[in-house]
PDB file of N, CA and C in Angstrom:
ATOM      1  N   MET A   1      12.301  12.760  33.214  1.00  0.00           N
ATOM      2  CA  MET A   1      12.811  11.895  32.158  1.00  0.00           C
ATOM      3  C   MET A   1      12.244  12.361  30.818  1.00  0.00           C
ATOM      4  N   HIS A   2      13.113  12.504  29.832  1.00  0.00           N
ATOM      5  CA  HIS A   2      12.631  12.947  28.528  1.00  0.00           C
ATOM      6  C   HIS A   2      12.187  11.757  27.680  1.00  0.00           C
ATOM      7  N   SER A   3      11.317  12.046  26.746  1.00  0.00           N
ATOM      8  CA  SER A   3      10.784  10.968  25.912  1.00  0.00           C
ATOM      9  C   SER A   3      11.820  10.552  24.860  1.00  0.00           C
ATOM     10  N   PRO A   4      11.726   9.305  24.393  1.00  0.00           N
ATOM     11  CA  PRO A   4      12.682   8.831  23.395  1.00  0.00           C
ATOM     12  C   PRO A   4      12.485   9.567  22.067  1.00  0.00           C
ATOM     13  N   PRO A   5      13.547   9.712  21.279  1.00  0.00           N
ATOM     14  CA  PRO A   5      13.415  10.368  19.981  1.00  0.00           C
ATOM     15  C   PRO A   5      12.398   9.648  19.095  1.00  0.00           C
ATOM     16  N   THR A   6      11.602  10.434  18.376  1.00  0.00           N
ATOM     17  CA  THR A   6      10.621   9.887  17.438  1.00  0.00           C
ATOM     18  C   THR A   6      11.284   9.707  16.083  1.00  0.00           C
ATOM     19  N   ILE A   7      11.233   8.483  15.574  1.00  0.00           N
ATOM     20  CA  ILE A   7      11.825   8.162  14.286  1.00  0.00           C
ATOM     21  C   ILE A   7      10.704   7.827  13.311  1.00  0.00           C
ATOM     22  N   ALA A   8      10.600   8.593  12.229  1.00  0.00           N
ATOM     23  CA  ALA A   8       9.583   8.332  11.208  1.00  0.00           C
ATOM     24  C   ALA A   8      10.188   7.426  10.135  1.00  0.00           C
ATOM     25  N   ILE A   9       9.595   6.250   9.991  1.00  0.00           N
ATOM     26  CA  ILE A   9      10.022   5.291   8.968  1.00  0.00           C
ATOM     27  C   ILE A   9       9.168   5.536   7.731  1.00  0.00           C
ATOM     28  N   ILE A  10       9.827   5.771   6.600  1.00  0.00           N
ATOM     29  CA  ILE A  10       9.086   5.977   5.352  1.00  0.00           C
ATOM     30  C   ILE A  10       9.632   4.976   4.346  1.00  0.00           C
ATOM     31  N   ASP A  11       8.839   3.914   4.116  1.00  0.00           N
ATOM     32  CA  ASP A  11       9.258   2.816   3.243  1.00  0.00           C
ATOM     33  C   ASP A  11       8.012   2.182   2.654  1.00  0.00           C
ATOM     34  N   ASP A  12       8.034   1.887   1.353  1.00  0.00           N
ATOM     35  CA  ASP A  12       6.852   1.319   0.703  1.00  0.00           C
ATOM     36  C   ASP A  12       6.661  -0.167   0.996  1.00  0.00           C
ATOM     37  N   ASP A  13       7.634  -0.812   1.621  1.00  0.00           N
ATOM     38  CA  ASP A  13       7.567  -2.246   1.922  1.00  0.00           C
ATOM     39  C   ASP A  13       7.034  -2.442   3.343  1.00  0.00           C
ATOM     40  N   GLN A  14       5.827  -2.999   3.453  1.00  0.00           N
ATOM     41  CA  GLN A  14       5.190  -3.164   4.766  1.00  0.00           C
ATOM     42  C   GLN A  14       6.020  -4.024   5.713  1.00  0.00           C
ATOM     43  N   SER A  15       6.626  -5.104   5.218  1.00  0.00           N
ATOM     44  CA  SER A  15       7.407  -5.972   6.107  1.00  0.00           C
ATOM     45  C   SER A  15       8.644  -5.245   6.640  1.00  0.00           C
ATOM     46  N   VAL A  16       9.230  -4.386   5.829  1.00  0.00           N
ATOM     47  CA  VAL A  16      10.370  -3.585   6.293  1.00  0.00           C
ATOM     48  C   VAL A  16       9.908  -2.624   7.378  1.00  0.00           C
ATOM     49  N   ARG A  17       8.785  -1.952   7.146  1.00  0.00           N
ATOM     50  CA  ARG A  17       8.264  -1.015   8.158  1.00  0.00           C
ATOM     51  C   ARG A  17       7.998  -1.737   9.474  1.00  0.00           C
ATOM     52  N   GLU A  18       7.344  -2.895   9.396  1.00  0.00           N
ATOM     53  CA  GLU A  18       7.005  -3.634  10.616  1.00  0.00           C
ATOM     54  C   GLU A  18       8.246  -4.081  11.379  1.00  0.00           C
ATOM     55  N   SER A  19       9.248  -4.589  10.663  1.00  0.00           N
ATOM     56  CA  SER A  19      10.454  -5.047  11.361  1.00  0.00           C
ATOM     57  C   SER A  19      11.240  -3.867  11.928  1.00  0.00           C
ATOM     58  N   LEU A  20      11.246  -2.739  11.222  1.00  0.00           N
ATOM     59  CA  LEU A  20      11.941  -1.555  11.741  1.00  0.00           C
ATOM     60  C   LEU A  20      11.246  -0.982  12.967  1.00  0.00           C
ATOM     61  N   ILE A  21       9.917  -1.029  12.997  1.00  0.00           N
ATOM     62  CA  ILE A  21       9.183  -0.565  14.182  1.00  0.00           C
ATOM     63  C   ILE A  21       9.621  -1.384  15.393  1.00  0.00           C
ATOM     64  N   ASP A  22       9.634  -2.715  15.247  1.00  0.00           N
ATOM     65  CA  ASP A  22      10.047  -3.593  16.353  1.00  0.00           C
ATOM     66  C   ASP A  22      11.481  -3.305  16.776  1.00  0.00           C
ATOM     67  N   LEU A  23      12.377  -3.185  15.797  1.00  0.00           N
ATOM     68  CA  LEU A  23      13.785  -2.957  16.094  1.00  0.00           C
ATOM     69  C   LEU A  23      13.996  -1.607  16.783  1.00  0.00           C
ATOM     70  N   LEU A  24      13.354  -0.566  16.286  1.00  0.00           N
ATOM     71  CA  LEU A  24      13.516   0.766  16.886  1.00  0.00           C
ATOM     72  C   LEU A  24      12.984   0.804  18.316  1.00  0.00           C
ATOM     73  N   GLU A  25      11.877   0.099  18.570  1.00  0.00           N
ATOM     74  CA  GLU A  25      11.356   0.049  19.941  1.00  0.00           C
ATOM     75  C   GLU A  25      12.353  -0.627  20.874  1.00  0.00           C
ATOM     76  N   VAL A  26      12.953  -1.726  20.423  1.00  0.00           N
ATOM     77  CA  VAL A  26      13.956  -2.438  21.228  1.00  0.00           C
ATOM     78  C   VAL A  26      15.168  -1.528  21.488  1.00  0.00           C
ATOM     79  N   LEU A  27      15.513  -0.704  20.494  1.00  0.00           N
ATOM     80  CA  LEU A  27      16.667   0.189  20.621  1.00  0.00           C
ATOM     81  C   LEU A  27      16.364   1.443  21.450  1.00  0.00           C
ATOM     82  N   GLY A  28      15.110   1.596  21.872  1.00  0.00           N
ATOM     83  CA  GLY A  28      14.762   2.715  22.745  1.00  0.00           C
ATOM     84  C   GLY A  28      14.228   3.946  22.030  1.00  0.00           C
ATOM     85  N   PHE A  29      13.837   3.805  20.778  1.00  0.00           N
ATOM     86  CA  PHE A  29      13.265   4.921  20.035  1.00  0.00           C
ATOM     87  C   PHE A  29      11.743   4.791  19.995  1.00  0.00           C
ATOM     88  N   SER A  30      11.079   5.863  19.571  1.00  0.00           N
ATOM     89  CA  SER A  30       9.628   5.870  19.411  1.00  0.00           C
ATOM     90  C   SER A  30       9.324   5.964  17.915  1.00  0.00           C
ATOM     91  N   PRO A  31       9.031   4.822  17.270  1.00  0.00           N
ATOM     92  CA  PRO A  31       8.830   4.835  15.819  1.00  0.00           C
ATOM     93  C   PRO A  31       7.404   5.157  15.376  1.00  0.00           C
ATOM     94  N   THR A  32       7.308   5.804  14.231  1.00  0.00           N
ATOM     95  CA  THR A  32       6.058   5.960  13.498  1.00  0.00           C
ATOM     96  C   THR A  32       6.375   5.496  12.077  1.00  0.00           C
ATOM     97  N   SER A  33       5.364   5.153  11.293  1.00  0.00           N
ATOM     98  CA  SER A  33       5.685   4.699   9.941  1.00  0.00           C
ATOM     99  C   SER A  33       4.676   5.185   8.911  1.00  0.00           C
ATOM    100  N   TYR A  34       5.179   5.308   7.699  1.00  0.00           N
ATOM    101  CA  TYR A  34       4.398   5.776   6.553  1.00  0.00           C
ATOM    102  C   TYR A  34       4.796   4.939   5.360  1.00  0.00           C
ATOM    103  N   GLU A  35       3.814   4.634   4.484  1.00  0.00           N
ATOM    104  CA  GLU A  35       4.144   3.778   3.345  1.00  0.00           C
ATOM    105  C   GLU A  35       4.599   4.555   2.125  1.00  0.00           C
ATOM    106  N   SER A  36       4.530   5.893   2.187  1.00  0.00           N
ATOM    107  CA  SER A  36       5.019   6.679   1.060  1.00  0.00           C
ATOM    108  C   SER A  36       5.412   8.081   1.520  1.00  0.00           C
ATOM    109  N   ALA A  37       6.187   8.739   0.672  1.00  0.00           N
ATOM    110  CA  ALA A  37       6.571  10.120   0.941  1.00  0.00           C
ATOM    111  C   ALA A  37       5.341  11.011   0.997  1.00  0.00           C
ATOM    112  N   ILE A  38       4.380  10.736   0.122  1.00  0.00           N
ATOM    113  CA  ILE A  38       3.141  11.524   0.078  1.00  0.00           C
ATOM    114  C   ILE A  38       2.360  11.365   1.382  1.00  0.00           C
ATOM    115  N   ASP A  39       2.283  10.130   1.909  1.00  0.00           N
ATOM    116  CA  ASP A  39       1.598   9.913   3.195  1.00  0.00           C
ATOM    117  C   ASP A  39       2.265  10.716   4.302  1.00  0.00           C
ATOM    118  N   PHE A  40       3.590  10.726   4.302  1.00  0.00           N
ATOM    119  CA  PHE A  40       4.317  11.471   5.325  1.00  0.00           C
ATOM    120  C   PHE A  40       4.022  12.969   5.204  1.00  0.00           C
ATOM    121  N   LEU A  41       4.088  13.495   3.983  1.00  0.00           N
ATOM    122  CA  LEU A  41       3.836  14.924   3.781  1.00  0.00           C
ATOM    123  C   LEU A  41       2.399  15.298   4.140  1.00  0.00           C
ATOM    124  N   ALA A  42       1.459  14.370   3.921  1.00  0.00           N
ATOM    125  CA  ALA A  42       0.052  14.633   4.219  1.00  0.00           C
ATOM    126  C   ALA A  42      -0.238  14.594   5.719  1.00  0.00           C
ATOM    127  N   SER A  43       0.645  13.973   6.477  1.00  0.00           N
ATOM    128  CA  SER A  43       0.419  13.877   7.924  1.00  0.00           C
ATOM    129  C   SER A  43       0.772  15.215   8.573  1.00  0.00           C
ATOM    130  N   ALA A  44       0.106  15.491   9.653  1.00  0.00           N
ATOM    131  CA  ALA A  44       0.403  16.734  10.370  1.00  0.00           C
ATOM    132  C   ALA A  44       1.611  16.559  11.268  1.00  0.00           C
ATOM    133  N   SER A  45       2.173  15.343  11.305  1.00  0.00           N
ATOM    134  CA  SER A  45       3.219  15.055  12.277  1.00  0.00           C
ATOM    135  C   SER A  45       4.630  15.201  11.717  1.00  0.00           C
ATOM    136  N   GLU A  46       4.773  15.728  10.495  1.00  0.00           N
ATOM    137  CA  GLU A  46       6.110  15.819   9.918  1.00  0.00           C
ATOM    138  C   GLU A  46       7.072  16.597  10.808  1.00  0.00           C
ATOM    139  N   SER A  47       6.550  17.584  11.539  1.00  0.00           N
ATOM    140  CA  SER A  47       7.440  18.359  12.399  1.00  0.00           C
ATOM    141  C   SER A  47       7.691  17.670  13.740  1.00  0.00           C
ATOM    142  N   ASP A  48       6.972  16.564  14.008  1.00  0.00           N
ATOM    143  CA  ASP A  48       7.159  15.841  15.266  1.00  0.00           C
ATOM    144  C   ASP A  48       8.324  14.862  15.223  1.00  0.00           C
ATOM    145  N   ALA A  49       8.791  14.529  14.033  1.00  0.00           N
ATOM    146  CA  ALA A  49       9.856  13.533  13.905  1.00  0.00           C
ATOM    147  C   ALA A  49      11.205  14.145  14.270  1.00  0.00           C
ATOM    148  N   ASP A  50      11.984  13.383  15.031  1.00  0.00           N
ATOM    149  CA  ASP A  50      13.348  13.804  15.370  1.00  0.00           C
ATOM    150  C   ASP A  50      14.337  13.355  14.311  1.00  0.00           C
ATOM    151  N   CYS A  51      13.946  12.318  13.542  1.00  0.00           N
ATOM    152  CA  CYS A  51      14.807  11.777  12.493  1.00  0.00           C
ATOM    153  C   CYS A  51      13.932  10.986  11.524  1.00  0.00           C
ATOM    154  N   LEU A  52      14.294  11.018  10.247  1.00  0.00           N
ATOM    155  CA  LEU A  52      13.598  10.218   9.244  1.00  0.00           C
ATOM    156  C   LEU A  52      14.456   9.029   8.859  1.00  0.00           C
ATOM    157  N   LEU A  53      13.850   7.876   8.814  1.00  0.00           N
ATOM    158  CA  LEU A  53      14.481   6.671   8.290  1.00  0.00           C
ATOM    159  C   LEU A  53      13.810   6.467   6.941  1.00  0.00           C
ATOM    160  N   LEU A  54      14.519   6.834   5.888  1.00  0.00           N
ATOM    161  CA  LEU A  54      13.902   7.095   4.605  1.00  0.00           C
ATOM    162  C   LEU A  54      14.428   6.170   3.518  1.00  0.00           C
ATOM    163  N   ASP A  55      13.513   5.374   2.947  1.00  0.00           N
ATOM    164  CA  ASP A  55      13.881   4.501   1.842  1.00  0.00           C
ATOM    165  C   ASP A  55      14.144   5.368   0.610  1.00  0.00           C
ATOM    166  N   ILE A  56      15.209   5.066  -0.115  1.00  0.00           N
ATOM    167  CA  ILE A  56      15.521   5.843  -1.319  1.00  0.00           C
ATOM    168  C   ILE A  56      14.570   5.481  -2.449  1.00  0.00           C
ATOM    169  N   SER A  57      14.379   4.186  -2.696  1.00  0.00           N
ATOM    170  CA  SER A  57      13.597   3.742  -3.855  1.00  0.00           C
ATOM    171  C   SER A  57      12.147   3.472  -3.478  1.00  0.00           C
ATOM    172  N   MET A  58      11.274   4.426  -3.811  1.00  0.00           N
ATOM    173  CA  MET A  58       9.843   4.259  -3.575  1.00  0.00           C
ATOM    174  C   MET A  58       9.105   4.740  -4.810  1.00  0.00           C
ATOM    175  N   PRO A  59       7.928   4.158  -5.080  1.00  0.00           N
ATOM    176  CA  PRO A  59       7.123   4.665  -6.191  1.00  0.00           C
ATOM    177  C   PRO A  59       6.658   6.087  -5.896  1.00  0.00           C
ATOM    178  N   GLY A  60       6.409   6.851  -6.936  1.00  0.00           N
ATOM    179  CA  GLY A  60       6.004   8.237  -6.732  1.00  0.00           C
ATOM    180  C   GLY A  60       7.228   9.056  -6.357  1.00  0.00           C
ATOM    181  N   MET A  61       7.151   9.720  -5.234  1.00  0.00           N
ATOM    182  CA  MET A  61       8.265  10.546  -4.751  1.00  0.00           C
ATOM    183  C   MET A  61       9.260   9.656  -4.025  1.00  0.00           C
ATOM    184  N   ASN A  62      10.537   9.643  -4.468  1.00  0.00           N
ATOM    185  CA  ASN A  62      11.536   8.821  -3.780  1.00  0.00           C
ATOM    186  C   ASN A  62      12.092   9.560  -2.563  1.00  0.00           C
ATOM    187  N   GLY A  63      12.945   8.875  -1.819  1.00  0.00           N
ATOM    188  CA  GLY A  63      13.468   9.440  -0.585  1.00  0.00           C
ATOM    189  C   GLY A  63      14.277  10.706  -0.774  1.00  0.00           C
ATOM    190  N   VAL A  64      15.084  10.754  -1.814  1.00  0.00           N
ATOM    191  CA  VAL A  64      15.902  11.938  -2.078  1.00  0.00           C
ATOM    192  C   VAL A  64      14.994  13.123  -2.435  1.00  0.00           C
ATOM    193  N   GLU A  65      13.945  12.845  -3.215  1.00  0.00           N
ATOM    194  CA  GLU A  65      12.996  13.902  -3.583  1.00  0.00           C
ATOM    195  C   GLU A  65      12.221  14.401  -2.362  1.00  0.00           C
ATOM    196  N   LEU A  66      11.849  13.489  -1.461  1.00  0.00           N
ATOM    197  CA  LEU A  66      11.165  13.904  -0.231  1.00  0.00           C
ATOM    198  C   LEU A  66      12.074  14.803   0.597  1.00  0.00           C
ATOM    199  N   ASN A  67      13.324  14.431   0.742  1.00  0.00           N
ATOM    200  CA  ASN A  67      14.263  15.247   1.505  1.00  0.00           C
ATOM    201  C   ASN A  67      14.371  16.647   0.898  1.00  0.00           C
ATOM    202  N   ALA A  68      14.446  16.723  -0.425  1.00  0.00           N
ATOM    203  CA  ALA A  68      14.519  18.018  -1.108  1.00  0.00           C
ATOM    204  C   ALA A  68      13.241  18.829  -0.886  1.00  0.00           C
ATOM    205  N   GLU A  69      12.082  18.157  -0.909  1.00  0.00           N
ATOM    206  CA  GLU A  69      10.803  18.833  -0.681  1.00  0.00           C
ATOM    207  C   GLU A  69      10.737  19.408   0.733  1.00  0.00           C
ATOM    208  N   LEU A  70      11.191  18.634   1.726  1.00  0.00           N
ATOM    209  CA  LEU A  70      11.193  19.134   3.099  1.00  0.00           C
ATOM    210  C   LEU A  70      12.095  20.358   3.221  1.00  0.00           C
ATOM    211  N   LYS A  71      13.259  20.305   2.591  1.00  0.00           N
ATOM    212  CA  LYS A  71      14.173  21.453   2.635  1.00  0.00           C
ATOM    213  C   LYS A  71      13.523  22.677   1.986  1.00  0.00           C
ATOM    214  N   SER A  72      12.797  22.469   0.879  1.00  0.00           N
ATOM    215  CA  SER A  72      12.146  23.594   0.202  1.00  0.00           C
ATOM    216  C   SER A  72      11.058  24.210   1.083  1.00  0.00           C
ATOM    217  N   ARG A  73      10.528  23.423   2.013  1.00  0.00           N
ATOM    218  CA  ARG A  73       9.517  23.923   2.962  1.00  0.00           C
ATOM    219  C   ARG A  73      10.168  24.417   4.259  1.00  0.00           C
ATOM    220  N   SER A  74      11.492  24.482   4.282  1.00  0.00           N
ATOM    221  CA  SER A  74      12.259  24.901   5.465  1.00  0.00           C
ATOM    222  C   SER A  74      11.998  24.000   6.664  1.00  0.00           C
ATOM    223  N   ILE A  75      11.812  22.707   6.390  1.00  0.00           N
ATOM    224  CA  ILE A  75      11.648  21.713   7.453  1.00  0.00           C
ATOM    225  C   ILE A  75      12.962  20.943   7.532  1.00  0.00           C
ATOM    226  N   ALA A  76      13.688  21.151   8.619  1.00  0.00           N
ATOM    227  CA  ALA A  76      15.001  20.518   8.770  1.00  0.00           C
ATOM    228  C   ALA A  76      14.895  19.352   9.733  1.00  0.00           C
ATOM    229  N   ILE A  77      14.821  18.151   9.188  1.00  0.00           N
ATOM    230  CA  ILE A  77      14.774  16.938  10.000  1.00  0.00           C
ATOM    231  C   ILE A  77      15.956  16.076   9.589  1.00  0.00           C
ATOM    232  N   PRO A  78      16.769  15.611  10.558  1.00  0.00           N
ATOM    233  CA  PRO A  78      17.875  14.721  10.193  1.00  0.00           C
ATOM    234  C   PRO A  78      17.363  13.474   9.474  1.00  0.00           C
ATOM    235  N   VAL A  79      18.137  12.999   8.498  1.00  0.00           N
ATOM    236  CA  VAL A  79      17.714  11.876   7.668  1.00  0.00           C
ATOM    237  C   VAL A  79      18.764  10.780   7.668  1.00  0.00           C
ATOM    238  N   VAL A  80      18.292   9.539   7.794  1.00  0.00           N
ATOM    239  CA  VAL A  80      19.118   8.355   7.520  1.00  0.00           C
ATOM    240  C   VAL A  80      18.432   7.659   6.354  1.00  0.00           C
ATOM    241  N   PHE A  81      19.112   7.628   5.213  1.00  0.00           N
ATOM    242  CA  PHE A  81      18.568   6.957   4.041  1.00  0.00           C
ATOM    243  C   PHE A  81      18.822   5.456   4.138  1.00  0.00           C
ATOM    244  N   MET A  82      17.934   4.670   3.491  1.00  0.00           N
ATOM    245  CA  MET A  82      18.108   3.221   3.410  1.00  0.00           C
ATOM    246  C   MET A  82      17.895   2.810   1.961  1.00  0.00           C
ATOM    247  N   THR A  83      18.631   1.798   1.543  1.00  0.00           N
ATOM    248  CA  THR A  83      18.408   1.279   0.203  1.00  0.00           C
ATOM    249  C   THR A  83      18.805  -0.182   0.118  1.00  0.00           C
ATOM    250  N   GLY A  84      18.119  -0.880  -0.739  1.00  0.00           N
ATOM    251  CA  GLY A  84      18.485  -2.254  -1.040  1.00  0.00           C
ATOM    252  C   GLY A  84      18.970  -2.376  -2.469  1.00  0.00           C
ATOM    253  N   HIS A  85      18.590  -1.398  -3.290  1.00  0.00           N
ATOM    254  CA  HIS A  85      18.887  -1.542  -4.713  1.00  0.00           C
ATOM    255  C   HIS A  85      18.814  -0.238  -5.493  1.00  0.00           C
ATOM    256  N   ALA A  86      19.207   0.856  -4.915  1.00  0.00           N
ATOM    257  CA  ALA A  86      19.149   2.120  -5.644  1.00  0.00           C
ATOM    258  C   ALA A  86      20.322   2.242  -6.610  1.00  0.00           C
ATOM    259  N   GLN A  87      20.153   3.091  -7.593  1.00  0.00           N
ATOM    260  CA  GLN A  87      21.224   3.344  -8.549  1.00  0.00           C
ATOM    261  C   GLN A  87      22.325   4.158  -7.886  1.00  0.00           C
ATOM    262  N   GLU A  88      23.533   3.982  -8.370  1.00  0.00           N
ATOM    263  CA  GLU A  88      24.706   4.634  -7.785  1.00  0.00           C
ATOM    264  C   GLU A  88      24.548   6.157  -7.723  1.00  0.00           C
ATOM    265  N   ALA A  89      23.995   6.767  -8.758  1.00  0.00           N
ATOM    266  CA  ALA A  89      23.846   8.226  -8.770  1.00  0.00           C
ATOM    267  C   ALA A  89      22.923   8.692  -7.643  1.00  0.00           C
ATOM    268  N   ILE A  90      21.848   7.937  -7.422  1.00  0.00           N
ATOM    269  CA  ILE A  90      20.911   8.303  -6.358  1.00  0.00           C
ATOM    270  C   ILE A  90      21.551   8.067  -4.996  1.00  0.00           C
ATOM    271  N   ILE A  91      22.315   6.988  -4.857  1.00  0.00           N
ATOM    272  CA  ILE A  91      22.996   6.707  -3.590  1.00  0.00           C
ATOM    273  C   ILE A  91      23.975   7.826  -3.256  1.00  0.00           C
ATOM    274  N   SER A  92      24.746   8.290  -4.240  1.00  0.00           N
ATOM    275  CA  SER A  92      25.713   9.351  -3.949  1.00  0.00           C
ATOM    276  C   SER A  92      24.992  10.647  -3.595  1.00  0.00           C
ATOM    277  N   GLU A  93      23.839  10.904  -4.208  1.00  0.00           N
ATOM    278  CA  GLU A  93      23.047  12.091  -3.862  1.00  0.00           C
ATOM    279  C   GLU A  93      22.537  11.975  -2.423  1.00  0.00           C
ATOM    280  N   ALA A  94      22.092  10.776  -2.042  1.00  0.00           N
ATOM    281  CA  ALA A  94      21.613  10.552  -0.677  1.00  0.00           C
ATOM    282  C   ALA A  94      22.746  10.719   0.331  1.00  0.00           C
ATOM    283  N   LYS A  95      23.917  10.176   0.011  1.00  0.00           N
ATOM    284  CA  LYS A  95      25.055  10.281   0.930  1.00  0.00           C
ATOM    285  C   LYS A  95      25.451  11.736   1.151  1.00  0.00           C
ATOM    286  N   SER A  96      25.273  12.582   0.130  1.00  0.00           N
ATOM    287  CA  SER A  96      25.625  13.992   0.304  1.00  0.00           C
ATOM    288  C   SER A  96      24.632  14.686   1.233  1.00  0.00           C
ATOM    289  N   ALA A  97      23.436  14.120   1.379  1.00  0.00           N
ATOM    290  CA  ALA A  97      22.404  14.722   2.233  1.00  0.00           C
ATOM    291  C   ALA A  97      22.340  14.074   3.616  1.00  0.00           C
ATOM    292  N   GLY A  98      23.015  12.947   3.810  1.00  0.00           N
ATOM    293  CA  GLY A  98      22.958  12.263   5.102  1.00  0.00           C
ATOM    294  C   GLY A  98      23.583  10.889   5.015  1.00  0.00           C
ATOM    295  N   THR A  99      23.375  10.103   6.038  1.00  0.00           N
ATOM    296  CA  THR A  99      23.894   8.740   6.084  1.00  0.00           C
ATOM    297  C   THR A  99      23.051   7.844   5.183  1.00  0.00           C
ATOM    298  N   CYS A 100      23.686   6.832   4.599  1.00  0.00           N
ATOM    299  CA  CYS A 100      22.956   5.874   3.776  1.00  0.00           C
ATOM    300  C   CYS A 100      23.306   4.461   4.230  1.00  0.00           C
ATOM    301  N   LEU A 101      22.300   3.726   4.702  1.00  0.00           N
ATOM    302  CA  LEU A 101      22.478   2.337   5.125  1.00  0.00           C
ATOM    303  C   LEU A 101      22.023   1.415   4.005  1.00  0.00           C
ATOM    304  N   PHE A 102      22.730   0.304   3.861  1.00  0.00           N
ATOM    305  CA  PHE A 102      22.376  -0.664   2.832  1.00  0.00           C
ATOM    306  C   PHE A 102      21.663  -1.847   3.476  1.00  0.00           C
ATOM    307  N   LYS A 103      20.439  -2.138   2.997  1.00  0.00           N
ATOM    308  CA  LYS A 103      19.643  -3.251   3.521  1.00  0.00           C
ATOM    309  C   LYS A 103      20.277  -4.561   3.087  1.00  0.00           C
ATOM    310  N   PRO A 104      20.309  -5.555   3.939  1.00  0.00           N
ATOM    311  CA  PRO A 104      19.884  -5.505   5.347  1.00  0.00           C
ATOM    312  C   PRO A 104      21.001  -4.924   6.222  1.00  0.00           C
ATOM    313  N   PHE A 105      20.612  -4.236   7.270  1.00  0.00           N
ATOM    314  CA  PHE A 105      21.586  -3.684   8.211  1.00  0.00           C
ATOM    315  C   PHE A 105      21.207  -4.125   9.613  1.00  0.00           C
ATOM    316  N   GLY A 106      22.174  -4.066  10.516  1.00  0.00           N
ATOM    317  CA  GLY A 106      21.958  -4.526  11.887  1.00  0.00           C
ATOM    318  C   GLY A 106      21.474  -3.415  12.797  1.00  0.00           C
ATOM    319  N   GLY A 107      20.995  -3.817  13.953  1.00  0.00           N
ATOM    320  CA  GLY A 107      20.467  -2.880  14.935  1.00  0.00           C
ATOM    321  C   GLY A 107      21.480  -1.865  15.411  1.00  0.00           C
ATOM    322  N   GLN A 108      22.706  -2.321  15.675  1.00  0.00           N
ATOM    323  CA  GLN A 108      23.726  -1.395  16.175  1.00  0.00           C
ATOM    324  C   GLN A 108      24.113  -0.384  15.099  1.00  0.00           C
ATOM    325  N   GLU A 109      24.180  -0.843  13.848  1.00  0.00           N
ATOM    326  CA  GLU A 109      24.484   0.053  12.730  1.00  0.00           C
ATOM    327  C   GLU A 109      23.383   1.112  12.597  1.00  0.00           C
ATOM    328  N   LEU A 110      22.129   0.675  12.735  1.00  0.00           N
ATOM    329  CA  LEU A 110      20.998   1.581  12.654  1.00  0.00           C
ATOM    330  C   LEU A 110      21.017   2.588  13.805  1.00  0.00           C
ATOM    331  N   LYS A 111      21.224   2.097  15.006  1.00  0.00           N
ATOM    332  CA  LYS A 111      21.241   2.974  16.178  1.00  0.00           C
ATOM    333  C   LYS A 111      22.340   4.024  16.057  1.00  0.00           C
ATOM    334  N   ALA A 112      23.525   3.611  15.634  1.00  0.00           N
ATOM    335  CA  ALA A 112      24.644   4.545  15.481  1.00  0.00           C
ATOM    336  C   ALA A 112      24.330   5.601  14.424  1.00  0.00           C
ATOM    337  N   ALA A 113      23.722   5.183  13.316  1.00  0.00           N
ATOM    338  CA  ALA A 113      23.388   6.123  12.242  1.00  0.00           C
ATOM    339  C   ALA A 113      22.361   7.152  12.712  1.00  0.00           C
ATOM    340  N   ILE A 114      21.343   6.697  13.444  1.00  0.00           N
ATOM    341  CA  ILE A 114      20.312   7.610  13.943  1.00  0.00           C
ATOM    342  C   ILE A 114      20.915   8.580  14.970  1.00  0.00           C
ATOM    343  N   GLU A 115      21.675   8.048  15.908  1.00  0.00           N
ATOM    344  CA  GLU A 115      22.274   8.913  16.939  1.00  0.00           C
ATOM    345  C   GLU A 115      23.216   9.931  16.313  1.00  0.00           C
ATOM    346  N   ASP A 116      23.964   9.513  15.299  1.00  0.00           N
ATOM    347  CA  ASP A 116      24.874  10.410  14.599  1.00  0.00           C
ATOM    348  C   ASP A 116      24.076  11.513  13.880  1.00  0.00           C
ATOM    349  N   ALA A 117      22.986  11.122  13.224  1.00  0.00           N
ATOM    350  CA  ALA A 117      22.155  12.098  12.493  1.00  0.00           C
ATOM    351  C   ALA A 117      21.519  13.112  13.438  1.00  0.00           C
ATOM    352  N   ILE A 118      21.020  12.628  14.576  1.00  0.00           N
ATOM    353  CA  ILE A 118      20.347  13.503  15.533  1.00  0.00           C
ATOM    354  C   ILE A 118      21.335  14.464  16.193  1.00  0.00           C
ATOM    355  N   SER A 119      22.553  14.009  16.406  1.00  0.00           N
ATOM    356  CA  SER A 119      23.529  14.853  17.118  1.00  0.00           C
ATOM    357  C   SER A 119      24.168  15.910  16.241  1.00  0.00           C
ATOM    358  N   ASP A 120      24.014  15.812  14.935  1.00  0.00           N
ATOM    359  CA  ASP A 120      24.635  16.810  14.034  1.00  0.00           C
ATOM    360  C   ASP A 120      23.995  18.173  14.169  1.00  0.00           C
TER     361      ASP A 120
END
């Protein structure tokens, strides 16, 4: 039996991270979480993630910038962006790089987005 896909949650909102961890576990994924893009980059586990669940609007480096940084390092990890209030220009940039979910979203919507990202 193979292990469930590891999903790295990167969101500056602790309550969002906690609820996503619970939801991803129920959906059969193995979640990890980081409160910032910098924390994720500083971890040695960036290559362990099968998919990133990435908030667009974060202080410091935002989700779109993190995705660009990973690409510049030749790290190809599928991304599902999330936003509750990003600007339209940033949302369209995120959509060009992957799926973008609008908070709040449901479990089935999240599961479908992750499975779609991983299968590409």
